[in-house]
Amino acid sequence: MDYQTFKTKLKECNLNIKEFAEICGLNPKSISITWKSKNETPKWVDSWIENYLLNQKINDIKTIICDNTPQNT
């Protein structure tokens, strides 16, 4: 994916480059410099972002279900 799409997808994840780099164990400067200059991300980044977004949706659903489950008293 190109660098601008990467930045747009990060916003969808509610992440910035520094947070993404921390989670992935990368240097934020290498993302900003190398990926931007090449105008592409490594192939694994696209699937990582897809999985991250899917996990957020699953967590949202889990929260809704757990919050609406009657409590045994």
Protein backbone atom coordinates (compact mmCIF):
# COMPACT_ATOMS: atom_id res chain seq x y z
CA MET A 1 0.00 0.00 0.00
CA ASP A 2 1.20 3.52 -0.61
CA TYR A 3 2.26 5.74 2.28
CA GLN A 4 -0.78 8.04 2.19
CA THR A 5 -3.15 5.06 2.32
CA PHE A 6 -1.14 3.72 5.25
CA LYS A 7 -1.59 6.99 7.15
CA THR A 8 -5.33 7.01 6.36
CA LYS A 9 -5.70 3.42 7.58
CA LEU A 10 -3.80 4.26 10.76
CA LYS A 11 -6.38 6.96 11.46
CA GLU A 12 -9.12 4.34 11.05
CA CYS A 13 -7.28 2.32 13.72
CA ASN A 14 -7.06 5.40 15.97
CA LEU A 15 -3.28 5.07 15.90
CA ASN A 16 -0.48 7.41 14.96
CA ILE A 17 2.87 6.35 13.53
CA LYS A 18 4.57 6.37 16.93
CA GLU A 19 1.90 4.10 18.47
CA PHE A 20 1.97 1.75 15.47
CA ALA A 21 5.76 1.56 15.68
CA GLU A 22 5.66 0.77 19.41
CA ILE A 23 3.12 -2.03 18.93
CA CYS A 24 5.13 -3.53 16.05
CA GLY A 25 8.55 -3.02 17.61
CA LEU A 26 9.70 -0.65 14.88
CA ASN A 27 11.54 2.65 14.86
CA PRO A 28 9.04 5.42 14.05
CA LYS A 29 11.72 7.32 12.14
CA SER A 30 12.30 4.39 9.79
CA ILE A 31 8.58 4.35 9.02
CA SER A 32 8.44 8.08 8.40
CA ILE A 33 11.66 8.21 6.37
CA THR A 34 12.00 4.86 4.59
CA TRP A 35 8.37 3.99 3.90
CA LYS A 36 7.55 7.57 2.93
CA SER A 37 10.51 7.86 0.55
CA LYS A 38 9.64 4.54 -1.11
CA ASN A 39 5.93 5.47 -1.01
CA GLU A 40 5.08 1.93 -0.03
CA THR A 41 4.80 -0.18 3.07
CA PRO A 42 6.02 -3.74 3.57
CA LYS A 43 3.50 -6.36 2.44
CA TRP A 44 2.65 -7.46 5.99
CA VAL A 45 1.35 -4.01 7.00
CA ASP A 46 -1.90 -4.27 5.04
CA SER A 47 -2.94 -7.54 6.68
CA TRP A 48 -1.77 -6.29 10.08
CA ILE A 49 -4.06 -3.26 9.80
CA GLU A 50 -6.98 -5.40 8.60
CA ASN A 51 -6.53 -7.71 11.58
CA TYR A 52 -6.19 -4.79 13.99
CA LEU A 53 -9.45 -3.26 12.73
CA LEU A 54 -11.21 -6.64 12.92
CA ASN A 55 -9.98 -7.11 16.48
CA GLN A 56 -11.35 -3.69 17.43
CA LYS A 57 -14.77 -4.67 16.04
CA ILE A 58 -14.69 -7.98 17.92
CA ASN A 59 -13.81 -6.19 21.14
CA ASP A 60 -16.66 -3.72 20.59
CA ILE A 61 -19.12 -6.58 20.07
CA LYS A 62 -17.76 -8.40 23.12
CA THR A 63 -18.23 -5.27 25.22
CA ILE A 64 -21.82 -4.86 24.03
CA ILE A 65 -22.64 -8.50 24.77
CA CYS A 66 -20.97 -8.52 28.17
CA ASP A 67 -22.55 -5.21 29.19
CA ASN A 68 -26.01 -6.51 28.26
CA THR A 69 -25.69 -9.90 29.96
CA PRO A 70 -27.95 -10.14 33.02
CA GLN A 71 -26.04 -10.53 36.26
CA ASN A 72 -26.76 -13.53 38.48
CA THR A 73 -27.51 -12.31 41.99
